[in-house]
């Protein structure tokens, strides 16, 4: 998979959806600036609100990367509050916001990634968070998987900057085969259950016939 071939389509979908969510749900004006591809081992931030997605062709993550102060400004706009530090309420708010962005982008990404399914958002906060596994040092690693690349879009508003990223990965062929096999197994189980029900029904009819004849 060449992520550069997906960059333009992902960028446009994220720009449109993020602007829609912020203007209609948060009453905030944000401006999309540059989009670029970034290796996840070079991503470092204070708060990551993210969710996984999967489909027949692609699987990966959609996430918002922001500082603690920016996260508070964004979440407060939705909560109608004035919380000064990252609390559970702020984290819940950022989780809801990435959920809204992903939900809106899902339709716009259809031609780029195909139909995708979204999982539950999760949010983690700290200092100098990274997504990829850490190779020593004090960084907090969120995942021990191999390093992947993100299509990152920078957004600015009057209180600071944040990034919305999409990490698309091709679904391994082995997973498709496994999925097909699982479907076949489930179909066989269903057929087996139907046969068992039919056998029980026939037994019941035979027993009923024997009882009536005596």
N, C-alpha and C. Protein backbone atom coordinates (compact mmCIF):
# COMPACT_ATOMS: atom_id res chain seq x y z
N UNK A 1 0.84 -1.20 0.00
CA UNK A 1 0.00 0.00 0.00
C UNK A 1 0.87 1.25 0.00
N UNK A 2 0.60 2.18 -0.91
CA UNK A 2 1.31 3.46 -0.96
C UNK A 2 0.42 4.52 -0.32
N UNK A 3 0.79 4.97 0.87
CA UNK A 3 -0.05 5.90 1.61
C UNK A 3 -0.19 7.24 0.88
N UNK A 4 0.81 7.58 0.05
CA UNK A 4 0.74 8.84 -0.69
C UNK A 4 -0.43 8.86 -1.66
N UNK A 5 -0.82 7.69 -2.16
CA UNK A 5 -1.96 7.63 -3.07
C UNK A 5 -3.27 7.92 -2.36
N UNK A 6 -3.29 7.73 -1.04
CA UNK A 6 -4.51 7.97 -0.26
C UNK A 6 -4.54 9.36 0.36
N UNK A 7 -3.39 10.05 0.36
CA UNK A 7 -3.25 11.30 1.12
C UNK A 7 -4.28 12.35 0.75
N UNK A 8 -4.45 12.63 -0.53
CA UNK A 8 -5.35 13.71 -0.94
C UNK A 8 -6.80 13.42 -0.54
N UNK A 9 -7.25 12.20 -0.78
CA UNK A 9 -8.63 11.85 -0.44
C UNK A 9 -8.88 11.90 1.05
N UNK A 10 -7.94 11.40 1.84
CA UNK A 10 -8.07 11.44 3.30
C UNK A 10 -8.05 12.88 3.79
N UNK A 11 -7.12 13.68 3.26
CA UNK A 11 -6.99 15.08 3.67
C UNK A 11 -8.28 15.86 3.45
N UNK A 12 -8.86 15.72 2.27
CA UNK A 12 -10.09 16.46 1.95
C UNK A 12 -11.23 16.04 2.88
N UNK A 13 -11.36 14.74 3.13
CA UNK A 13 -12.43 14.25 4.00
C UNK A 13 -12.27 14.78 5.42
N UNK A 14 -11.05 14.78 5.93
CA UNK A 14 -10.79 15.25 7.30
C UNK A 14 -10.97 16.76 7.41
N UNK A 15 -10.52 17.50 6.43
CA UNK A 15 -10.68 18.95 6.46
C UNK A 15 -12.16 19.33 6.48
N UNK A 16 -12.94 18.75 5.58
CA UNK A 16 -14.37 19.07 5.50
C UNK A 16 -15.09 18.69 6.78
N UNK A 17 -14.86 17.47 7.25
CA UNK A 17 -15.58 16.98 8.43
C UNK A 17 -15.20 17.74 9.69
N UNK A 18 -13.92 17.99 9.88
CA UNK A 18 -13.47 18.71 11.08
C UNK A 18 -14.05 20.12 11.11
N UNK A 19 -14.05 20.79 9.98
CA UNK A 19 -14.65 22.14 9.92
C UNK A 19 -16.14 22.08 10.24
N UNK A 20 -16.82 21.07 9.72
CA UNK A 20 -18.26 20.93 9.98
C UNK A 20 -18.54 20.70 11.46
N UNK A 21 -17.78 19.79 12.08
CA UNK A 21 -17.99 19.47 13.49
C UNK A 21 -17.72 20.69 14.37
N UNK A 22 -16.63 21.38 14.12
CA UNK A 22 -16.27 22.52 14.96
C UNK A 22 -17.21 23.70 14.77
N UNK A 23 -17.67 23.92 13.55
CA UNK A 23 -18.54 25.08 13.31
C UNK A 23 -19.97 24.83 13.77
N UNK A 24 -20.47 23.59 13.60
CA UNK A 24 -21.87 23.33 13.94
C UNK A 24 -22.08 22.84 15.37
N UNK A 25 -21.12 22.05 15.88
CA UNK A 25 -21.29 21.46 17.20
C UNK A 25 -20.59 22.25 18.31
N UNK A 26 -19.48 22.89 17.98
CA UNK A 26 -18.70 23.61 18.99
C UNK A 26 -18.75 25.12 18.82
N UNK A 27 -19.34 25.58 17.72
CA UNK A 27 -19.42 27.01 17.42
C UNK A 27 -18.03 27.65 17.42
N UNK A 28 -17.06 26.94 16.83
CA UNK A 28 -15.69 27.41 16.75
C UNK A 28 -15.23 27.43 15.29
N UNK A 29 -14.46 28.43 14.95
CA UNK A 29 -13.88 28.52 13.62
C UNK A 29 -12.46 27.98 13.65
N UNK A 30 -12.20 26.96 12.87
CA UNK A 30 -10.84 26.42 12.76
C UNK A 30 -10.43 26.47 11.29
N UNK A 31 -9.15 26.57 11.07
CA UNK A 31 -8.63 26.65 9.71
C UNK A 31 -7.65 25.52 9.47
N UNK A 32 -7.89 24.79 8.40
CA UNK A 32 -6.98 23.70 8.03
C UNK A 32 -5.77 24.28 7.32
N UNK A 33 -4.60 23.85 7.74
CA UNK A 33 -3.38 24.28 7.08
C UNK A 33 -2.79 23.11 6.30
N UNK A 34 -1.52 22.83 6.46
CA UNK A 34 -0.89 21.81 5.64
C UNK A 34 -1.23 20.39 6.08
N UNK A 35 -1.18 19.49 5.12
CA UNK A 35 -1.33 18.06 5.36
C UNK A 35 -0.02 17.38 4.97
N UNK A 36 0.38 16.41 5.76
CA UNK A 36 1.66 15.75 5.49
C UNK A 36 1.60 14.33 6.04
N UNK A 37 2.54 13.51 5.61
CA UNK A 37 2.64 12.13 6.09
C UNK A 37 3.73 12.09 7.16
N UNK A 38 3.40 11.50 8.29
CA UNK A 38 4.33 11.49 9.41
C UNK A 38 4.45 10.08 9.98
N UNK A 39 5.66 9.64 10.20
CA UNK A 39 5.89 8.36 10.84
C UNK A 39 5.45 8.46 12.29
N UNK A 40 4.69 7.47 12.77
CA UNK A 40 4.11 7.60 14.09
C UNK A 40 5.14 7.64 15.22
N UNK A 41 6.35 7.15 14.98
CA UNK A 41 7.35 7.21 16.04
C UNK A 41 7.82 8.64 16.29
N UNK A 42 7.48 9.55 15.37
CA UNK A 42 7.84 10.95 15.54
C UNK A 42 6.68 11.80 16.08
N UNK A 43 5.58 11.16 16.44
CA UNK A 43 4.43 11.88 16.99
C UNK A 43 4.56 11.99 18.50
N UNK A 44 4.50 13.20 19.02
CA UNK A 44 4.60 13.41 20.46
C UNK A 44 3.64 14.52 20.86
N UNK A 45 2.80 14.27 21.85
CA UNK A 45 1.78 15.25 22.23
C UNK A 45 1.34 14.99 23.67
N UNK A 46 0.39 15.80 24.16
CA UNK A 46 -0.07 15.65 25.54
C UNK A 46 -1.37 14.85 25.66
N UNK A 47 -2.19 14.89 24.62
CA UNK A 47 -3.47 14.17 24.67
C UNK A 47 -3.78 13.59 23.30
N UNK A 48 -4.17 12.33 23.30
CA UNK A 48 -4.56 11.64 22.07
C UNK A 48 -5.96 11.08 22.26
N UNK A 49 -6.87 11.52 21.44
CA UNK A 49 -8.21 10.92 21.43
C UNK A 49 -8.35 10.18 20.11
N UNK A 50 -8.62 8.89 20.19
CA UNK A 50 -8.49 8.05 19.01
C UNK A 50 -9.55 6.97 18.98
N UNK A 51 -9.77 6.43 17.80
CA UNK A 51 -10.59 5.22 17.67
C UNK A 51 -10.07 4.39 16.52
N UNK A 52 -10.29 3.10 16.60
CA UNK A 52 -9.90 2.19 15.53
C UNK A 52 -11.06 2.03 14.53
N UNK A 53 -10.69 1.75 13.30
CA UNK A 53 -11.69 1.41 12.29
C UNK A 53 -11.21 0.18 11.54
N UNK A 54 -12.15 -0.52 10.92
CA UNK A 54 -11.78 -1.67 10.10
C UNK A 54 -12.78 -1.83 8.97
N UNK A 55 -12.33 -2.37 7.89
CA UNK A 55 -13.18 -2.62 6.73
C UNK A 55 -12.62 -3.78 5.94
N UNK A 56 -13.16 -4.02 4.75
CA UNK A 56 -12.68 -5.14 3.94
C UNK A 56 -11.31 -4.86 3.35
N UNK A 57 -11.03 -3.56 3.04
CA UNK A 57 -9.75 -3.23 2.40
C UNK A 57 -8.74 -2.60 3.35
N UNK A 58 -9.25 -1.77 4.29
CA UNK A 58 -8.33 -1.04 5.16
C UNK A 58 -8.77 -1.13 6.63
N UNK A 59 -7.77 -1.00 7.50
CA UNK A 59 -8.00 -0.91 8.92
C UNK A 59 -6.99 0.09 9.49
N UNK A 60 -7.29 0.68 10.65
CA UNK A 60 -6.35 1.65 11.19
C UNK A 60 -6.97 2.49 12.29
N UNK A 61 -6.55 3.76 12.37
CA UNK A 61 -7.01 4.64 13.44
C UNK A 61 -7.29 6.04 12.90
N UNK A 62 -8.19 6.73 13.58
CA UNK A 62 -8.43 8.16 13.38
C UNK A 62 -8.22 8.82 14.74
N UNK A 63 -7.47 9.91 14.78
CA UNK A 63 -7.13 10.49 16.08
C UNK A 63 -6.97 12.01 16.03
N UNK A 64 -7.18 12.62 17.19
CA UNK A 64 -6.87 14.04 17.40
C UNK A 64 -5.67 14.11 18.32
N UNK A 65 -4.70 14.92 17.96
CA UNK A 65 -3.50 15.12 18.77
C UNK A 65 -3.47 16.58 19.22
N UNK A 66 -3.36 16.82 20.52
CA UNK A 66 -3.41 18.20 21.01
C UNK A 66 -2.68 18.34 22.33
N UNK A 67 -2.30 19.57 22.64
CA UNK A 67 -1.70 19.85 23.94
C UNK A 67 -2.81 19.84 25.00
N UNK A 68 -2.40 19.81 26.28
CA UNK A 68 -3.39 19.82 27.35
C UNK A 68 -4.24 21.08 27.32
N UNK A 69 -3.61 22.23 27.10
CA UNK A 69 -4.33 23.50 27.09
C UNK A 69 -5.33 23.58 25.94
N UNK A 70 -4.89 23.14 24.76
CA UNK A 70 -5.78 23.16 23.59
C UNK A 70 -6.93 22.19 23.79
N UNK A 71 -6.66 21.04 24.37
CA UNK A 71 -7.73 20.06 24.64
C UNK A 71 -8.79 20.67 25.54
N UNK A 72 -8.36 21.41 26.55
CA UNK A 72 -9.32 22.06 27.46
C UNK A 72 -10.17 23.08 26.72
N UNK A 73 -9.56 23.89 25.87
CA UNK A 73 -10.32 24.89 25.10
C UNK A 73 -11.36 24.21 24.21
N UNK A 74 -10.95 23.13 23.54
CA UNK A 74 -11.85 22.44 22.61
C UNK A 74 -13.00 21.78 23.38
N UNK A 75 -12.67 21.00 24.40
CA UNK A 75 -13.71 20.28 25.15
C UNK A 75 -14.63 21.25 25.88
N UNK A 76 -14.09 22.34 26.41
CA UNK A 76 -14.93 23.33 27.11
C UNK A 76 -15.97 23.93 26.17
N UNK A 77 -15.61 24.08 24.90
CA UNK A 77 -16.56 24.64 23.93
C UNK A 77 -17.78 23.73 23.78
N UNK A 78 -17.56 22.43 23.90
CA UNK A 78 -18.68 21.50 23.81
C UNK A 78 -19.41 21.37 25.14
N UNK A 79 -18.65 21.37 26.23
CA UNK A 79 -19.24 21.17 27.56
C UNK A 79 -19.87 22.42 28.13
N UNK A 80 -19.51 23.58 27.58
CA UNK A 80 -20.00 24.84 28.14
C UNK A 80 -19.42 25.10 29.51
N UNK A 81 -18.15 24.72 29.68
CA UNK A 81 -17.50 24.82 30.98
C UNK A 81 -16.22 25.65 30.86
N UNK A 82 -15.49 25.77 31.95
CA UNK A 82 -14.24 26.52 31.94
C UNK A 82 -13.19 25.76 32.75
N UNK A 83 -13.00 24.51 32.39
CA UNK A 83 -12.05 23.64 33.09
C UNK A 83 -10.63 23.98 32.64
N UNK A 84 -9.73 24.16 33.59
CA UNK A 84 -8.38 24.64 33.28
C UNK A 84 -7.35 23.53 33.10
N UNK A 85 -7.67 22.32 33.52
CA UNK A 85 -6.72 21.22 33.39
C UNK A 85 -7.43 19.99 32.85
N UNK A 86 -6.65 19.04 32.36
CA UNK A 86 -7.24 17.84 31.75
C UNK A 86 -7.82 16.94 32.83
N UNK A 87 -9.12 16.84 32.82
CA UNK A 87 -9.85 15.98 33.77
C UNK A 87 -10.56 14.88 32.98
N UNK A 88 -11.30 14.03 33.69
CA UNK A 88 -12.07 12.99 33.01
C UNK A 88 -13.13 13.61 32.10
N UNK A 89 -13.70 14.76 32.52
CA UNK A 89 -14.68 15.43 31.67
C UNK A 89 -14.05 15.91 30.37
N UNK A 90 -12.84 16.45 30.47
CA UNK A 90 -12.15 16.90 29.25
C UNK A 90 -11.85 15.71 28.35
N UNK A 91 -11.39 14.62 28.92
CA UNK A 91 -11.10 13.43 28.13
C UNK A 91 -12.35 12.86 27.49
N UNK A 92 -13.46 12.86 28.24
CA UNK A 92 -14.73 12.38 27.67
C UNK A 92 -15.16 13.28 26.51
N UNK A 93 -14.97 14.60 26.69
CA UNK A 93 -15.34 15.54 25.63
C UNK A 93 -14.52 15.32 24.38
N UNK A 94 -13.21 15.11 24.54
CA UNK A 94 -12.35 14.89 23.37
C UNK A 94 -12.67 13.55 22.70
N UNK A 95 -13.07 12.57 23.50
CA UNK A 95 -13.48 11.29 22.91
C UNK A 95 -14.73 11.45 22.06
N UNK A 96 -15.66 12.26 22.53
CA UNK A 96 -16.89 12.49 21.78
C UNK A 96 -16.60 13.26 20.49
N UNK A 97 -15.65 14.19 20.56
CA UNK A 97 -15.33 14.99 19.38
C UNK A 97 -14.67 14.15 18.29
N UNK A 98 -13.72 13.27 18.68
CA UNK A 98 -13.11 12.42 17.65
C UNK A 98 -14.15 11.44 17.10
N UNK A 99 -15.10 11.05 17.92
CA UNK A 99 -16.17 10.17 17.46
C UNK A 99 -17.03 10.87 16.41
N UNK A 100 -17.32 12.15 16.62
CA UNK A 100 -18.10 12.91 15.65
C UNK A 100 -17.34 13.12 14.35
N UNK A 101 -16.04 13.42 14.47
CA UNK A 101 -15.23 13.62 13.26
C UNK A 101 -15.15 12.32 12.46
N UNK A 102 -14.88 11.22 13.16
CA UNK A 102 -14.79 9.93 12.47
C UNK A 102 -16.12 9.53 11.84
N UNK A 103 -17.22 9.80 12.56
CA UNK A 103 -18.53 9.46 12.02
C UNK A 103 -18.85 10.23 10.76
N UNK A 104 -18.49 11.52 10.75
CA UNK A 104 -18.72 12.33 9.54
C UNK A 104 -17.78 11.96 8.41
N UNK A 105 -16.53 11.65 8.76
CA UNK A 105 -15.53 11.33 7.73
C UNK A 105 -15.78 9.97 7.10
N UNK A 106 -16.46 9.09 7.83
CA UNK A 106 -16.70 7.74 7.33
C UNK A 106 -17.35 7.76 5.95
N UNK A 107 -18.34 8.60 5.76
CA UNK A 107 -19.03 8.69 4.47
C UNK A 107 -18.12 9.29 3.41
N UNK A 108 -17.38 10.34 3.79
CA UNK A 108 -16.51 11.02 2.84
C UNK A 108 -15.30 10.16 2.44
N UNK A 109 -14.94 9.21 3.29
CA UNK A 109 -13.80 8.34 3.01
C UNK A 109 -14.19 7.09 2.22
N UNK A 110 -15.45 6.96 1.89
CA UNK A 110 -15.95 5.74 1.24
C UNK A 110 -15.19 5.43 -0.05
N UNK A 111 -14.98 6.45 -0.89
CA UNK A 111 -14.30 6.21 -2.16
C UNK A 111 -12.81 5.94 -1.97
N UNK A 112 -12.25 6.40 -0.85
CA UNK A 112 -10.81 6.24 -0.61
C UNK A 112 -10.50 4.93 0.09
N UNK A 113 -11.22 4.65 1.18
CA UNK A 113 -10.94 3.48 2.01
C UNK A 113 -11.99 2.38 1.90
N UNK A 114 -13.09 2.67 1.21
CA UNK A 114 -14.19 1.72 1.19
C UNK A 114 -15.02 1.85 2.45
N UNK A 115 -15.97 0.97 2.63
CA UNK A 115 -16.83 1.01 3.81
C UNK A 115 -16.04 0.60 5.04
N UNK A 116 -16.10 1.42 6.09
CA UNK A 116 -15.37 1.10 7.31
C UNK A 116 -16.32 1.12 8.50
N UNK A 117 -15.96 0.37 9.53
CA UNK A 117 -16.72 0.31 10.76
C UNK A 117 -15.89 0.93 11.88
N UNK A 118 -16.54 1.72 12.72
CA UNK A 118 -15.83 2.45 13.78
C UNK A 118 -16.01 1.77 15.13
N UNK A 119 -14.94 1.72 15.90
CA UNK A 119 -14.99 1.16 17.24
C UNK A 119 -15.11 2.29 18.27
N UNK A 120 -15.13 1.94 19.54
CA UNK A 120 -15.32 2.91 20.61
C UNK A 120 -14.09 3.79 20.79
N UNK A 121 -14.26 5.11 20.95
CA UNK A 121 -13.11 6.00 21.15
C UNK A 121 -12.42 5.74 22.49
N UNK A 122 -11.15 6.03 22.54
CA UNK A 122 -10.41 6.01 23.79
C UNK A 122 -9.52 7.25 23.84
N UNK A 123 -9.25 7.73 25.03
CA UNK A 123 -8.46 8.95 25.20
C UNK A 123 -7.41 8.71 26.27
N UNK A 124 -6.21 9.18 26.02
CA UNK A 124 -5.15 9.09 27.01
C UNK A 124 -4.42 10.43 27.06
N UNK A 125 -4.05 10.85 28.26
CA UNK A 125 -3.39 12.14 28.44
C UNK A 125 -2.13 11.96 29.27
N UNK A 126 -1.15 12.79 29.02
CA UNK A 126 0.10 12.74 29.75
C UNK A 126 1.05 13.78 29.17
N UNK A 127 2.33 13.56 29.31
CA UNK A 127 3.31 14.46 28.71
C UNK A 127 4.16 13.68 27.72
N UNK A 128 4.31 14.26 26.53
CA UNK A 128 5.13 13.65 25.47
C UNK A 128 4.67 12.23 25.15
N UNK A 129 3.37 12.09 24.94
CA UNK A 129 2.84 10.78 24.54
C UNK A 129 3.28 10.44 23.13
N UNK A 130 3.52 9.16 22.90
CA UNK A 130 3.77 8.68 21.55
C UNK A 130 2.84 7.51 21.28
N UNK A 131 2.60 7.25 20.00
CA UNK A 131 1.72 6.15 19.64
C UNK A 131 2.52 4.86 19.52
N UNK A 132 3.69 4.95 18.93
CA UNK A 132 4.48 3.76 18.68
C UNK A 132 5.24 3.34 19.93
N UNK A 133 5.79 2.14 19.87
CA UNK A 133 6.55 1.63 21.00
C UNK A 133 7.80 2.46 21.22
N UNK A 134 8.14 2.68 22.47
CA UNK A 134 9.28 3.50 22.81
C UNK A 134 10.54 2.64 22.87
N UNK A 135 11.62 3.20 22.40
CA UNK A 135 12.90 2.49 22.43
C UNK A 135 13.78 3.13 23.48
N UNK A 136 13.36 2.99 24.74
CA UNK A 136 14.10 3.63 25.81
C UNK A 136 13.57 5.02 26.05
N UNK A 137 14.09 5.72 27.06
CA UNK A 137 13.63 7.07 27.33
C UNK A 137 12.38 7.06 28.16
N UNK A 138 11.84 8.24 28.43
CA UNK A 138 10.70 8.36 29.33
C UNK A 138 9.37 8.48 28.66
N UNK A 139 9.32 8.28 27.34
CA UNK A 139 8.05 8.45 26.63
C UNK A 139 7.10 7.31 26.97
N UNK A 140 5.82 7.63 27.02
CA UNK A 140 4.80 6.62 27.29
C UNK A 140 4.32 6.06 25.96
N UNK A 141 4.46 4.78 25.76
CA UNK A 141 4.06 4.15 24.51
C UNK A 141 2.64 3.63 24.62
N UNK A 142 1.84 3.83 23.58
CA UNK A 142 0.46 3.36 23.57
C UNK A 142 0.31 2.03 22.87
N UNK A 143 1.27 1.63 22.08
CA UNK A 143 1.12 0.42 21.29
C UNK A 143 2.48 -0.19 21.04
N UNK A 144 2.54 -1.50 21.04
CA UNK A 144 3.82 -2.17 20.82
C UNK A 144 3.93 -2.71 19.40
N UNK A 145 3.03 -2.31 18.52
CA UNK A 145 3.04 -2.80 17.16
C UNK A 145 4.16 -2.15 16.35
N UNK A 146 4.33 -2.59 15.11
CA UNK A 146 5.33 -1.99 14.23
C UNK A 146 4.94 -0.54 13.93
N UNK A 147 5.92 0.24 13.52
CA UNK A 147 5.67 1.64 13.22
C UNK A 147 4.87 1.78 11.92
N UNK A 148 3.91 2.69 11.92
CA UNK A 148 3.12 2.98 10.74
C UNK A 148 3.14 4.48 10.47
N UNK A 149 2.62 4.87 9.32
CA UNK A 149 2.58 6.28 8.96
C UNK A 149 1.16 6.82 9.05
N UNK A 150 1.08 8.11 9.32
CA UNK A 150 -0.20 8.81 9.46
C UNK A 150 -0.31 9.91 8.41
N UNK A 151 -1.52 10.11 7.90
CA UNK A 151 -1.83 11.30 7.12
C UNK A 151 -2.32 12.33 8.14
N UNK A 152 -1.52 13.37 8.39
CA UNK A 152 -1.80 14.35 9.43
C UNK A 152 -2.21 15.68 8.81
N UNK A 153 -3.25 16.28 9.36
CA UNK A 153 -3.69 17.61 8.93
C UNK A 153 -3.64 18.55 10.12
N UNK A 154 -2.99 19.68 9.93
CA UNK A 154 -2.86 20.68 10.99
C UNK A 154 -4.03 21.66 10.95
N UNK A 155 -4.61 21.93 12.12
CA UNK A 155 -5.69 22.91 12.24
C UNK A 155 -5.28 23.99 13.24
N UNK A 156 -5.65 25.22 12.94
CA UNK A 156 -5.34 26.34 13.85
C UNK A 156 -6.64 27.06 14.21
N UNK A 157 -6.68 27.61 15.42
CA UNK A 157 -7.77 28.48 15.85
C UNK A 157 -7.18 29.50 16.81
N UNK A 158 -8.02 30.36 17.35
CA UNK A 158 -7.47 31.49 18.11
C UNK A 158 -6.76 31.09 19.40
N UNK A 159 -6.92 29.85 19.85
CA UNK A 159 -6.29 29.41 21.10
C UNK A 159 -5.10 28.47 20.88
N UNK A 160 -4.82 28.13 19.63
CA UNK A 160 -3.69 27.23 19.42
C UNK A 160 -3.86 26.34 18.19
N UNK A 161 -3.19 25.21 18.20
CA UNK A 161 -3.21 24.28 17.07
C UNK A 161 -3.48 22.85 17.56
N UNK A 162 -3.99 22.05 16.67
CA UNK A 162 -4.14 20.62 16.91
C UNK A 162 -4.04 19.89 15.59
N UNK A 163 -3.93 18.59 15.64
CA UNK A 163 -3.78 17.78 14.44
C UNK A 163 -4.83 16.67 14.43
N UNK A 164 -5.36 16.40 13.25
CA UNK A 164 -6.24 15.24 13.07
C UNK A 164 -5.52 14.30 12.11
N UNK A 165 -5.35 13.07 12.55
CA UNK A 165 -4.62 12.11 11.74
C UNK A 165 -5.42 10.87 11.41
N UNK A 166 -5.09 10.26 10.28
CA UNK A 166 -5.68 8.99 9.87
C UNK A 166 -4.53 8.04 9.54
N UNK A 167 -4.57 6.87 10.12
CA UNK A 167 -3.54 5.86 9.86
C UNK A 167 -4.19 4.68 9.14
N UNK A 168 -4.08 4.63 7.81
CA UNK A 168 -4.69 3.51 7.07
C UNK A 168 -3.69 2.40 6.81
N UNK A 169 -4.11 1.16 7.01
CA UNK A 169 -3.27 0.01 6.72
C UNK A 169 -4.10 -1.01 5.93
N UNK A 170 -3.47 -1.58 4.92
CA UNK A 170 -4.17 -2.60 4.15
C UNK A 170 -4.47 -3.81 5.03
N UNK A 171 -5.65 -4.35 4.88
CA UNK A 171 -6.00 -5.56 5.62
C UNK A 171 -5.18 -6.72 5.06
N UNK A 172 -4.43 -7.42 5.91
CA UNK A 172 -3.62 -8.55 5.42
C UNK A 172 -4.48 -9.61 4.75
N UNK A 173 -3.92 -10.22 3.73
CA UNK A 173 -4.66 -11.26 3.00
C UNK A 173 -5.06 -12.39 3.94
N UNK A 174 -4.21 -12.71 4.88
CA UNK A 174 -4.50 -13.78 5.83
C UNK A 174 -5.75 -13.50 6.62
N UNK A 175 -5.98 -12.21 6.94
CA UNK A 175 -7.18 -11.85 7.70
C UNK A 175 -8.43 -12.08 6.87
N UNK A 176 -8.33 -11.80 5.56
CA UNK A 176 -9.49 -12.01 4.69
C UNK A 176 -9.84 -13.49 4.61
N UNK A 177 -8.78 -14.30 4.47
CA UNK A 177 -9.01 -15.74 4.40
C UNK A 177 -9.63 -16.24 5.70
N UNK A 178 -9.06 -15.76 6.80
CA UNK A 178 -9.57 -16.16 8.10
C UNK A 178 -11.02 -15.76 8.27
N UNK A 179 -11.35 -14.56 7.77
CA UNK A 179 -12.72 -14.07 7.87
C UNK A 179 -13.66 -14.95 7.06
N UNK A 180 -13.23 -15.30 5.83
CA UNK A 180 -14.05 -16.16 4.99
C UNK A 180 -14.25 -17.53 5.65
N UNK A 181 -13.19 -18.04 6.24
CA UNK A 181 -13.27 -19.34 6.91
C UNK A 181 -14.23 -19.27 8.08
N UNK A 182 -14.14 -18.21 8.85
CA UNK A 182 -15.04 -18.04 10.00
C UNK A 182 -16.49 -17.98 9.55
N UNK A 183 -16.74 -17.29 8.42
CA UNK A 183 -18.11 -17.21 7.90
C UNK A 183 -18.62 -18.58 7.51
N UNK A 184 -17.75 -19.38 6.89
CA UNK A 184 -18.14 -20.73 6.49
C UNK A 184 -18.44 -21.60 7.71
N UNK A 185 -17.60 -21.46 8.73
CA UNK A 185 -17.82 -22.23 9.96
C UNK A 185 -19.15 -21.85 10.60
N UNK A 186 -19.43 -20.54 10.65
CA UNK A 186 -20.69 -20.09 11.25
C UNK A 186 -21.89 -20.60 10.45
N UNK A 187 -21.75 -20.61 9.12
CA UNK A 187 -22.84 -21.12 8.27
C UNK A 187 -23.08 -22.60 8.52
N UNK A 188 -21.97 -23.35 8.68
CA UNK A 188 -22.10 -24.78 8.97
C UNK A 188 -22.74 -25.02 10.33
N UNK A 189 -22.36 -24.21 11.32
CA UNK A 189 -22.97 -24.32 12.64
C UNK A 189 -24.48 -24.06 12.58
N UNK A 190 -24.85 -23.04 11.81
CA UNK A 190 -26.27 -22.72 11.69
C UNK A 190 -27.04 -23.86 11.01
N UNK A 191 -26.44 -24.42 9.96
CA UNK A 191 -27.07 -25.54 9.26
C UNK A 191 -27.19 -26.75 10.19
N UNK A 192 -26.14 -26.98 11.00
CA UNK A 192 -26.16 -28.09 11.94
C UNK A 192 -27.26 -27.93 12.97
N UNK A 193 -27.44 -26.70 13.45
CA UNK A 193 -28.51 -26.43 14.42
C UNK A 193 -29.89 -26.66 13.81
N UNK A 194 -30.03 -26.29 12.54
CA UNK A 194 -31.31 -26.51 11.86
C UNK A 194 -31.60 -28.00 11.73
N UNK A 195 -30.55 -28.78 11.41
CA UNK A 195 -30.72 -30.23 11.29
C UNK A 195 -31.11 -30.84 12.63
N UNK A 196 -30.47 -30.37 13.71
CA UNK A 196 -30.81 -30.87 15.04
C UNK A 196 -32.27 -30.57 15.37
N UNK A 197 -32.72 -29.36 15.04
CA UNK A 197 -34.11 -28.99 15.30
C UNK A 197 -35.07 -29.86 14.50
N UNK A 198 -34.70 -30.15 13.25
CA UNK A 198 -35.55 -30.98 12.40
C UNK A 198 -35.61 -32.41 12.94
N UNK A 199 -34.47 -32.92 13.42
CA UNK A 199 -34.44 -34.27 14.00
C UNK A 199 -35.32 -34.34 15.24
N UNK A 200 -35.24 -33.32 16.10
CA UNK A 200 -36.06 -33.28 17.30
C UNK A 200 -37.53 -33.20 16.94
N UNK A 201 -37.86 -32.45 15.88
CA UNK A 201 -39.26 -32.34 15.46
C UNK A 201 -39.79 -33.68 14.96
N UNK A 202 -38.94 -34.39 14.18
CA UNK A 202 -39.34 -35.69 13.67
C UNK A 202 -39.50 -36.71 14.80
N UNK A 203 -38.58 -36.65 15.77
CA UNK A 203 -38.69 -37.55 16.93
C UNK A 203 -39.98 -37.30 17.67
N UNK A 204 -40.33 -36.03 17.81
CA UNK A 204 -41.55 -35.66 18.52
C UNK A 204 -42.77 -36.21 17.79
N UNK A 205 -42.75 -36.13 16.45
CA UNK A 205 -43.86 -36.65 15.67
C UNK A 205 -43.98 -38.17 15.82
N UNK A 206 -42.81 -38.86 15.80
CA UNK A 206 -42.82 -40.32 15.95
C UNK A 206 -43.34 -40.72 17.31
N UNK A 207 -42.88 -40.04 18.37
CA UNK A 207 -43.36 -40.34 19.72
C UNK A 207 -44.82 -40.10 19.86
N UNK A 208 -45.28 -39.02 19.23
CA UNK A 208 -46.70 -38.67 19.32
C UNK A 208 -47.55 -39.72 18.61
N UNK A 209 -47.05 -40.21 17.48
CA UNK A 209 -47.76 -41.22 16.70
C UNK A 209 -47.82 -42.55 17.47
N UNK A 210 -46.71 -42.90 18.12
CA UNK A 210 -46.67 -44.15 18.90
C UNK A 210 -47.60 -44.08 20.07
N UNK A 211 -47.72 -42.94 20.72
CA UNK A 211 -48.59 -42.78 21.88
C UNK A 211 -50.04 -42.90 21.50
N UNK A 212 -50.39 -42.29 20.35
CA UNK A 212 -51.79 -42.30 19.92
C UNK A 212 -52.22 -43.71 19.46
N UNK A 213 -51.26 -44.50 18.93
CA UNK A 213 -51.60 -45.84 18.44
C UNK A 213 -51.84 -46.82 19.59
N UNK A 214 -51.27 -46.51 20.76
CA UNK A 214 -51.47 -47.40 21.91
C UNK A 214 -52.72 -47.00 22.66
